[in-house]
Amino acid sequence: GITHSELIDAPDLSDILGELLPCLSGKIIVVHYRRIEREFLDQALKARIGEGIEFPVLDTLQIEENIQKRSAGGIWNRLKGKRPESL
């Protein structure tokens, strides 16, 4: 993860929007937990330019959750006490 000390000298988002937005345009962004990633960027843009953003994402946490659900085998395995591993 990103630490507070790494952010001390980081530029403000408004200073790099001209560089960031073209990088996102037409792309599917890989994230780990879409609700945090999308909401953060949307709120940050609303605060700086008065307009939010929506963009497609591939959520690795959702993929892992889907794999875990399939590996647990549904209700039969739950009745037998088999539980998916922690995400």
PDB file of N, CA and C in Angstrom:
ATOM      1  N   GLY A   1       0.802  -1.179   0.000  1.00  0.00           N
ATOM      2  CA  GLY A   1       0.000   0.000   0.000  1.00  0.00           C
ATOM      3  C   GLY A   1       0.854   1.256   0.000  1.00  0.00           C
ATOM      4  N   ILE A   2       0.227   2.352  -0.155  1.00  0.00           N
ATOM      5  CA  ILE A   2       0.887   3.655  -0.164  1.00  0.00           C
ATOM      6  C   ILE A   2       0.900   4.193   1.259  1.00  0.00           C
ATOM      7  N   THR A   3       2.044   4.672   1.690  1.00  0.00           N
ATOM      8  CA  THR A   3       2.172   5.208   3.044  1.00  0.00           C
ATOM      9  C   THR A   3       2.074   6.730   3.031  1.00  0.00           C
ATOM     10  N   HIS A   4       1.822   7.307   4.197  1.00  0.00           N
ATOM     11  CA  HIS A   4       1.742   8.763   4.321  1.00  0.00           C
ATOM     12  C   HIS A   4       3.056   9.422   3.924  1.00  0.00           C
ATOM     13  N   SER A   5       4.173   8.820   4.285  1.00  0.00           N
ATOM     14  CA  SER A   5       5.472   9.420   3.950  1.00  0.00           C
ATOM     15  C   SER A   5       5.705   9.457   2.446  1.00  0.00           C
ATOM     16  N   GLU A   6       5.116   8.532   1.706  1.00  0.00           N
ATOM     17  CA  GLU A   6       5.252   8.537   0.251  1.00  0.00           C
ATOM     18  C   GLU A   6       4.430   9.655  -0.392  1.00  0.00           C
ATOM     19  N   LEU A   7       3.446  10.154   0.325  1.00  0.00           N
ATOM     20  CA  LEU A   7       2.570  11.189  -0.217  1.00  0.00           C
ATOM     21  C   LEU A   7       3.041  12.604   0.075  1.00  0.00           C
ATOM     22  N   ILE A   8       3.995  12.757   0.958  1.00  0.00           N
ATOM     23  CA  ILE A   8       4.433  14.090   1.378  1.00  0.00           C
ATOM     24  C   ILE A   8       4.840  14.963   0.196  1.00  0.00           C
ATOM     25  N   ASP A   9       5.646  14.430  -0.695  1.00  0.00           N
ATOM     26  CA  ASP A   9       6.132  15.204  -1.837  1.00  0.00           C
ATOM     27  C   ASP A   9       5.364  14.931  -3.127  1.00  0.00           C
ATOM     28  N   ALA A  10       4.265  14.198  -3.040  1.00  0.00           N
ATOM     29  CA  ALA A  10       3.488  13.874  -4.238  1.00  0.00           C
ATOM     30  C   ALA A  10       2.739  15.105  -4.737  1.00  0.00           C
ATOM     31  N   PRO A  11       2.606  15.246  -6.054  1.00  0.00           N
ATOM     32  CA  PRO A  11       1.842  16.379  -6.586  1.00  0.00           C
ATOM     33  C   PRO A  11       0.352  16.194  -6.303  1.00  0.00           C
ATOM     34  N   ASP A  12      -0.370  17.296  -6.260  1.00  0.00           N
ATOM     35  CA  ASP A  12      -1.815  17.224  -6.108  1.00  0.00           C
ATOM     36  C   ASP A  12      -2.409  16.640  -7.385  1.00  0.00           C
ATOM     37  N   LEU A  13      -3.526  15.960  -7.240  1.00  0.00           N
ATOM     38  CA  LEU A  13      -4.183  15.342  -8.382  1.00  0.00           C
ATOM     39  C   LEU A  13      -4.474  16.352  -9.489  1.00  0.00           C
ATOM     40  N   SER A  14      -4.878  17.558  -9.111  1.00  0.00           N
ATOM     41  CA  SER A  14      -5.193  18.567 -10.129  1.00  0.00           C
ATOM     42  C   SER A  14      -3.979  18.925 -10.975  1.00  0.00           C
ATOM     43  N   ASP A  15      -2.773  18.746 -10.431  1.00  0.00           N
ATOM     44  CA  ASP A  15      -1.552  19.046 -11.178  1.00  0.00           C
ATOM     45  C   ASP A  15      -1.211  17.985 -12.213  1.00  0.00           C
ATOM     46  N   ILE A  16      -1.757  16.790 -12.067  1.00  0.00           N
ATOM     47  CA  ILE A  16      -1.410  15.714 -13.004  1.00  0.00           C
ATOM     48  C   ILE A  16      -2.600  15.199 -13.813  1.00  0.00           C
ATOM     49  N   LEU A  17      -3.749  15.870 -13.707  1.00  0.00           N
ATOM     50  CA  LEU A  17      -4.931  15.421 -14.442  1.00  0.00           C
ATOM     51  C   LEU A  17      -4.691  15.361 -15.943  1.00  0.00           C
ATOM     52  N   GLY A  18      -3.977  16.333 -16.468  1.00  0.00           N
ATOM     53  CA  GLY A  18      -3.694  16.355 -17.898  1.00  0.00           C
ATOM     54  C   GLY A  18      -2.907  15.139 -18.354  1.00  0.00           C
ATOM     55  N   GLU A  19      -2.164  14.559 -17.457  1.00  0.00           N
ATOM     56  CA  GLU A  19      -1.389  13.353 -17.752  1.00  0.00           C
ATOM     57  C   GLU A  19      -2.188  12.082 -17.434  1.00  0.00           C
ATOM     58  N   LEU A  20      -2.972  12.117 -16.357  1.00  0.00           N
ATOM     59  CA  LEU A  20      -3.695  10.938 -15.894  1.00  0.00           C
ATOM     60  C   LEU A  20      -4.878  10.565 -16.785  1.00  0.00           C
ATOM     61  N   LEU A  21      -5.715  11.528 -17.117  1.00  0.00           N
ATOM     62  CA  LEU A  21      -6.945  11.218 -17.842  1.00  0.00           C
ATOM     63  C   LEU A  21      -6.697  10.550 -19.192  1.00  0.00           C
ATOM     64  N   PRO A  22      -5.733  10.992 -19.987  1.00  0.00           N
ATOM     65  CA  PRO A  22      -5.466  10.266 -21.237  1.00  0.00           C
ATOM     66  C   PRO A  22      -4.999   8.821 -20.996  1.00  0.00           C
ATOM     67  N   CYS A  23      -4.337   8.580 -19.878  1.00  0.00           N
ATOM     68  CA  CYS A  23      -3.901   7.215 -19.548  1.00  0.00           C
ATOM     69  C   CYS A  23      -5.091   6.313 -19.233  1.00  0.00           C
ATOM     70  N   LEU A  24      -6.152   6.869 -18.673  1.00  0.00           N
ATOM     71  CA  LEU A  24      -7.345   6.094 -18.337  1.00  0.00           C
ATOM     72  C   LEU A  24      -8.283   5.921 -19.527  1.00  0.00           C
ATOM     73  N   SER A  25      -8.231   6.839 -20.466  1.00  0.00           N
ATOM     74  CA  SER A  25      -9.167   6.867 -21.587  1.00  0.00           C
ATOM     75  C   SER A  25      -9.086   5.594 -22.427  1.00  0.00           C
ATOM     76  N   GLY A  26     -10.229   4.951 -22.594  1.00  0.00           N
ATOM     77  CA  GLY A  26     -10.311   3.759 -23.424  1.00  0.00           C
ATOM     78  C   GLY A  26      -9.706   2.507 -22.811  1.00  0.00           C
ATOM     79  N   LYS A  27      -9.378   2.554 -21.545  1.00  0.00           N
ATOM     80  CA  LYS A  27      -8.723   1.429 -20.877  1.00  0.00           C
ATOM     81  C   LYS A  27      -9.662   0.790 -19.851  1.00  0.00           C
ATOM     82  N   ILE A  28      -9.395  -0.462 -19.544  1.00  0.00           N
ATOM     83  CA  ILE A  28     -10.020  -1.138 -18.409  1.00  0.00           C
ATOM     84  C   ILE A  28      -8.961  -1.160 -17.321  1.00  0.00           C
ATOM     85  N   ILE A  29      -9.260  -0.561 -16.189  1.00  0.00           N
ATOM     86  CA  ILE A  29      -8.292  -0.395 -15.113  1.00  0.00           C
ATOM     87  C   ILE A  29      -8.373  -1.584 -14.150  1.00  0.00           C
ATOM     88  N   VAL A  30      -7.233  -2.175 -13.829  1.00  0.00           N
ATOM     89  CA  VAL A  30      -7.177  -3.290 -12.880  1.00  0.00           C
ATOM     90  C   VAL A  30      -7.063  -2.709 -11.472  1.00  0.00           C
ATOM     91  N   VAL A  31      -8.005  -3.096 -10.602  1.00  0.00           N
ATOM     92  CA  VAL A  31      -8.039  -2.583  -9.230  1.00  0.00           C
ATOM     93  C   VAL A  31      -8.232  -3.744  -8.259  1.00  0.00           C
ATOM     94  N   HIS A  32      -8.000  -3.477  -6.997  1.00  0.00           N
ATOM     95  CA  HIS A  32      -8.282  -4.448  -5.943  1.00  0.00           C
ATOM     96  C   HIS A  32      -9.315  -3.800  -5.022  1.00  0.00           C
ATOM     97  N   TYR A  33     -10.555  -4.105  -5.245  1.00  0.00           N
ATOM     98  CA  TYR A  33     -11.740  -3.587  -4.563  1.00  0.00           C
ATOM     99  C   TYR A  33     -12.212  -2.284  -5.212  1.00  0.00           C
ATOM    100  N   ARG A  34     -13.038  -2.462  -6.206  1.00  0.00           N
ATOM    101  CA  ARG A  34     -13.501  -1.362  -7.064  1.00  0.00           C
ATOM    102  C   ARG A  34     -14.180  -0.229  -6.305  1.00  0.00           C
ATOM    103  N   ARG A  35     -14.881  -0.534  -5.228  1.00  0.00           N
ATOM    104  CA  ARG A  35     -15.614   0.527  -4.533  1.00  0.00           C
ATOM    105  C   ARG A  35     -14.673   1.579  -3.960  1.00  0.00           C
ATOM    106  N   ILE A  36     -13.511   1.165  -3.496  1.00  0.00           N
ATOM    107  CA  ILE A  36     -12.549   2.135  -2.977  1.00  0.00           C
ATOM    108  C   ILE A  36     -11.915   2.912  -4.120  1.00  0.00           C
ATOM    109  N   GLU A  37     -11.422   2.203  -5.131  1.00  0.00           N
ATOM    110  CA  GLU A  37     -10.683   2.845  -6.221  1.00  0.00           C
ATOM    111  C   GLU A  37     -11.555   3.830  -6.999  1.00  0.00           C
ATOM    112  N   ARG A  38     -12.714   3.370  -7.430  1.00  0.00           N
ATOM    113  CA  ARG A  38     -13.603   4.240  -8.210  1.00  0.00           C
ATOM    114  C   ARG A  38     -14.082   5.437  -7.392  1.00  0.00           C
ATOM    115  N   GLU A  39     -14.536   5.178  -6.183  1.00  0.00           N
ATOM    116  CA  GLU A  39     -15.078   6.244  -5.333  1.00  0.00           C
ATOM    117  C   GLU A  39     -14.020   7.285  -4.999  1.00  0.00           C
ATOM    118  N   PHE A  40     -12.795   6.833  -4.723  1.00  0.00           N
ATOM    119  CA  PHE A  40     -11.713   7.763  -4.409  1.00  0.00           C
ATOM    120  C   PHE A  40     -11.477   8.725  -5.565  1.00  0.00           C
ATOM    121  N   LEU A  41     -11.298   8.192  -6.752  1.00  0.00           N
ATOM    122  CA  LEU A  41     -10.995   9.052  -7.895  1.00  0.00           C
ATOM    123  C   LEU A  41     -12.191   9.929  -8.260  1.00  0.00           C
ATOM    124  N   ASP A  42     -13.384   9.384  -8.194  1.00  0.00           N
ATOM    125  CA  ASP A  42     -14.590  10.155  -8.492  1.00  0.00           C
ATOM    126  C   ASP A  42     -14.728  11.339  -7.537  1.00  0.00           C
ATOM    127  N   GLN A  43     -14.584  11.098  -6.236  1.00  0.00           N
ATOM    128  CA  GLN A  43     -14.709  12.173  -5.247  1.00  0.00           C
ATOM    129  C   GLN A  43     -13.569  13.189  -5.355  1.00  0.00           C
ATOM    130  N   ALA A  44     -12.369  12.712  -5.634  1.00  0.00           N
ATOM    131  CA  ALA A  44     -11.226  13.621  -5.776  1.00  0.00           C
ATOM    132  C   ALA A  44     -11.425  14.564  -6.955  1.00  0.00           C
ATOM    133  N   LEU A  45     -11.955  14.052  -8.049  1.00  0.00           N
ATOM    134  CA  LEU A  45     -12.200  14.913  -9.210  1.00  0.00           C
ATOM    135  C   LEU A  45     -13.349  15.881  -8.946  1.00  0.00           C
ATOM    136  N   LYS A  46     -14.397  15.420  -8.292  1.00  0.00           N
ATOM    137  CA  LYS A  46     -15.511  16.314  -7.955  1.00  0.00           C
ATOM    138  C   LYS A  46     -15.028  17.468  -7.088  1.00  0.00           C
ATOM    139  N   ALA A  47     -14.141  17.187  -6.153  1.00  0.00           N
ATOM    140  CA  ALA A  47     -13.625  18.227  -5.256  1.00  0.00           C
ATOM    141  C   ALA A  47     -12.736  19.222  -5.994  1.00  0.00           C
ATOM    142  N   ARG A  48     -12.045  18.768  -7.037  1.00  0.00           N
ATOM    143  CA  ARG A  48     -11.085  19.638  -7.717  1.00  0.00           C
ATOM    144  C   ARG A  48     -11.644  20.330  -8.951  1.00  0.00           C
ATOM    145  N   ILE A  49     -12.464  19.622  -9.733  1.00  0.00           N
ATOM    146  CA  ILE A  49     -12.943  20.226 -10.980  1.00  0.00           C
ATOM    147  C   ILE A  49     -14.463  20.274 -11.073  1.00  0.00           C
ATOM    148  N   GLY A  50     -15.146  19.822 -10.009  1.00  0.00           N
ATOM    149  CA  GLY A  50     -16.598  19.881  -9.983  1.00  0.00           C
ATOM    150  C   GLY A  50     -17.274  18.840 -10.855  1.00  0.00           C
ATOM    151  N   GLU A  51     -16.533  17.850 -11.294  1.00  0.00           N
ATOM    152  CA  GLU A  51     -17.090  16.802 -12.144  1.00  0.00           C
ATOM    153  C   GLU A  51     -16.432  15.475 -11.780  1.00  0.00           C
ATOM    154  N   GLY A  52     -17.234  14.424 -11.712  1.00  0.00           N
ATOM    155  CA  GLY A  52     -16.703  13.106 -11.369  1.00  0.00           C
ATOM    156  C   GLY A  52     -16.294  12.321 -12.601  1.00  0.00           C
ATOM    157  N   ILE A  53     -16.012  11.051 -12.381  1.00  0.00           N
ATOM    158  CA  ILE A  53     -15.570  10.184 -13.470  1.00  0.00           C
ATOM    159  C   ILE A  53     -16.109   8.781 -13.240  1.00  0.00           C
ATOM    160  N   GLU A  54     -16.430   8.104 -14.322  1.00  0.00           N
ATOM    161  CA  GLU A  54     -16.777   6.689 -14.290  1.00  0.00           C
ATOM    162  C   GLU A  54     -15.857   5.998 -15.270  1.00  0.00           C
ATOM    163  N   PHE A  55     -15.380   4.813 -14.912  1.00  0.00           N
ATOM    164  CA  PHE A  55     -14.487   4.084 -15.801  1.00  0.00           C
ATOM    165  C   PHE A  55     -14.615   2.595 -15.525  1.00  0.00           C
ATOM    166  N   PRO A  56     -14.392   1.772 -16.553  1.00  0.00           N
ATOM    167  CA  PRO A  56     -14.506   0.327 -16.360  1.00  0.00           C
ATOM    168  C   PRO A  56     -13.313  -0.215 -15.589  1.00  0.00           C
ATOM    169  N   VAL A  57     -13.587  -1.200 -14.736  1.00  0.00           N
ATOM    170  CA  VAL A  57     -12.517  -1.793 -13.937  1.00  0.00           C
ATOM    171  C   VAL A  57     -12.593  -3.315 -13.994  1.00  0.00           C
ATOM    172  N   LEU A  58     -11.463  -3.934 -13.778  1.00  0.00           N
ATOM    173  CA  LEU A  58     -11.353  -5.363 -13.550  1.00  0.00           C
ATOM    174  C   LEU A  58     -10.933  -5.495 -12.092  1.00  0.00           C
ATOM    175  N   ASP A  59     -11.832  -6.029 -11.279  1.00  0.00           N
ATOM    176  CA  ASP A  59     -11.634  -6.062  -9.828  1.00  0.00           C
ATOM    177  C   ASP A  59     -11.051  -7.409  -9.404  1.00  0.00           C
ATOM    178  N   THR A  60      -9.784  -7.418  -8.985  1.00  0.00           N
ATOM    179  CA  THR A  60      -9.132  -8.663  -8.588  1.00  0.00           C
ATOM    180  C   THR A  60      -9.754  -9.266  -7.330  1.00  0.00           C
ATOM    181  N   LEU A  61     -10.283  -8.439  -6.451  1.00  0.00           N
ATOM    182  CA  LEU A  61     -10.941  -8.959  -5.249  1.00  0.00           C
ATOM    183  C   LEU A  61     -12.222  -9.697  -5.626  1.00  0.00           C
ATOM    184  N   GLN A  62     -12.979  -9.149  -6.573  1.00  0.00           N
ATOM    185  CA  GLN A  62     -14.207  -9.806  -7.031  1.00  0.00           C
ATOM    186  C   GLN A  62     -13.884 -11.128  -7.718  1.00  0.00           C
ATOM    187  N   ILE A  63     -12.815 -11.155  -8.496  1.00  0.00           N
ATOM    188  CA  ILE A  63     -12.394 -12.397  -9.149  1.00  0.00           C
ATOM    189  C   ILE A  63     -12.069 -13.450  -8.098  1.00  0.00           C
ATOM    190  N   GLU A  64     -11.308 -13.062  -7.092  1.00  0.00           N
ATOM    191  CA  GLU A  64     -10.948 -13.994  -6.019  1.00  0.00           C
ATOM    192  C   GLU A  64     -12.186 -14.484  -5.276  1.00  0.00           C
ATOM    193  N   GLU A  65     -13.125 -13.584  -5.016  1.00  0.00           N
ATOM    194  CA  GLU A  65     -14.359 -13.974  -4.333  1.00  0.00           C
ATOM    195  C   GLU A  65     -15.133 -14.998  -5.156  1.00  0.00           C
ATOM    196  N   ASN A  66     -15.214 -14.779  -6.468  1.00  0.00           N
ATOM    197  CA  ASN A  66     -15.915 -15.720  -7.345  1.00  0.00           C
ATOM    198  C   ASN A  66     -15.234 -17.090  -7.346  1.00  0.00           C
ATOM    199  N   ILE A  67     -13.914 -17.106  -7.367  1.00  0.00           N
ATOM    200  CA  ILE A  67     -13.165 -18.367  -7.319  1.00  0.00           C
ATOM    201  C   ILE A  67     -13.436 -19.086  -6.001  1.00  0.00           C
ATOM    202  N   GLN A  68     -13.417 -18.339  -4.902  1.00  0.00           N
ATOM    203  CA  GLN A  68     -13.656 -18.942  -3.587  1.00  0.00           C
ATOM    204  C   GLN A  68     -15.065 -19.526  -3.489  1.00  0.00           C
ATOM    205  N   LYS A  69     -16.040 -18.816  -4.025  1.00  0.00           N
ATOM    206  CA  LYS A  69     -17.421 -19.318  -3.981  1.00  0.00           C
ATOM    207  C   LYS A  69     -17.542 -20.621  -4.760  1.00  0.00           C
ATOM    208  N   ARG A  70     -16.903 -20.677  -5.936  1.00  0.00           N
ATOM    209  CA  ARG A  70     -16.955 -21.893  -6.742  1.00  0.00           C
ATOM    210  C   ARG A  70     -16.232 -23.046  -6.058  1.00  0.00           C
ATOM    211  N   SER A  71     -15.106 -22.754  -5.431  1.00  0.00           N
ATOM    212  CA  SER A  71     -14.330 -23.829  -4.803  1.00  0.00           C
ATOM    213  C   SER A  71     -15.024 -24.382  -3.560  1.00  0.00           C
ATOM    214  N   ALA A  72     -15.898 -23.594  -2.955  1.00  0.00           N
ATOM    215  CA  ALA A  72     -16.646 -24.070  -1.786  1.00  0.00           C
ATOM    216  C   ALA A  72     -17.749 -25.033  -2.201  1.00  0.00           C
ATOM    217  N   GLY A  73     -18.142 -24.994  -3.466  1.00  0.00           N
ATOM    218  CA  GLY A  73     -19.090 -25.976  -3.987  1.00  0.00           C
ATOM    219  C   GLY A  73     -20.540 -25.785  -3.607  1.00  0.00           C
ATOM    220  N   GLY A  74     -20.910 -24.624  -3.176  1.00  0.00           N
ATOM    221  CA  GLY A  74     -22.310 -24.348  -2.919  1.00  0.00           C
ATOM    222  C   GLY A  74     -22.834 -24.912  -1.606  1.00  0.00           C
ATOM    223  N   ILE A  75     -24.136 -25.103  -1.566  1.00  0.00           N
ATOM    224  CA  ILE A  75     -24.813 -25.446  -0.314  1.00  0.00           C
ATOM    225  C   ILE A  75     -24.396 -26.815   0.227  1.00  0.00           C
ATOM    226  N   TRP A  76     -24.143 -27.799  -0.640  1.00  0.00           N
ATOM    227  CA  TRP A  76     -23.776 -29.130  -0.161  1.00  0.00           C
ATOM    228  C   TRP A  76     -22.501 -29.084   0.677  1.00  0.00           C
ATOM    229  N   ASN A  77     -21.470 -28.418   0.176  1.00  0.00           N
ATOM    230  CA  ASN A  77     -20.220 -28.313   0.936  1.00  0.00           C
ATOM    231  C   ASN A  77     -20.397 -27.471   2.198  1.00  0.00           C
ATOM    232  N   ARG A  78     -21.245 -26.472   2.157  1.00  0.00           N
ATOM    233  CA  ARG A  78     -21.503 -25.685   3.367  1.00  0.00           C
ATOM    234  C   ARG A  78     -22.173 -26.546   4.427  1.00  0.00           C
ATOM    235  N   LEU A  79     -23.103 -27.398   4.000  1.00  0.00           N
ATOM    236  CA  LEU A  79     -23.761 -28.303   4.948  1.00  0.00           C
ATOM    237  C   LEU A  79     -22.764 -29.287   5.555  1.00  0.00           C
ATOM    238  N   LYS A  80     -21.755 -29.663   4.773  1.00  0.00           N
ATOM    239  CA  LYS A  80     -20.716 -30.572   5.278  1.00  0.00           C
ATOM    240  C   LYS A  80     -19.678 -29.829   6.112  1.00  0.00           C
ATOM    241  N   GLY A  81     -19.795 -28.501   6.189  1.00  0.00           N
ATOM    242  CA  GLY A  81     -18.872 -27.723   7.002  1.00  0.00           C
ATOM    243  C   GLY A  81     -17.672 -27.180   6.251  1.00  0.00           C
ATOM    244  N   LYS A  82     -17.630 -27.395   4.941  1.00  0.00           N
ATOM    245  CA  LYS A  82     -16.512 -26.866   4.153  1.00  0.00           C
ATOM    246  C   LYS A  82     -16.727 -25.371   3.951  1.00  0.00           C
ATOM    247  N   ARG A  83     -15.713 -24.597   4.281  1.00  0.00           N
ATOM    248  CA  ARG A  83     -15.808 -23.145   4.144  1.00  0.00           C
ATOM    249  C   ARG A  83     -14.713 -22.651   3.215  1.00  0.00           C
ATOM    250  N   PRO A  84     -15.011 -21.612   2.445  1.00  0.00           N
ATOM    251  CA  PRO A  84     -13.959 -21.047   1.593  1.00  0.00           C
ATOM    252  C   PRO A  84     -12.894 -20.380   2.449  1.00  0.00           C
ATOM    253  N   GLU A  85     -11.673 -20.354   1.924  1.00  0.00           N
ATOM    254  CA  GLU A  85     -10.592 -19.678   2.630  1.00  0.00           C
ATOM    255  C   GLU A  85     -10.857 -18.183   2.669  1.00  0.00           C
ATOM    256  N   SER A  86     -10.247 -17.525   3.613  1.00  0.00           N
ATOM    257  CA  SER A  86     -10.411 -16.082   3.761  1.00  0.00           C
ATOM    258  C   SER A  86      -9.853 -15.352   2.561  1.00  0.00           C
ATOM    259  N   LEU A  87     -10.544 -14.287   2.155  1.00  0.00           N
ATOM    260  CA  LEU A  87     -10.028 -13.441   1.096  1.00  0.00           C
ATOM    261  C   LEU A  87      -8.982 -12.556   1.691  1.00  0.00           C
TER     262      LEU A  87
END
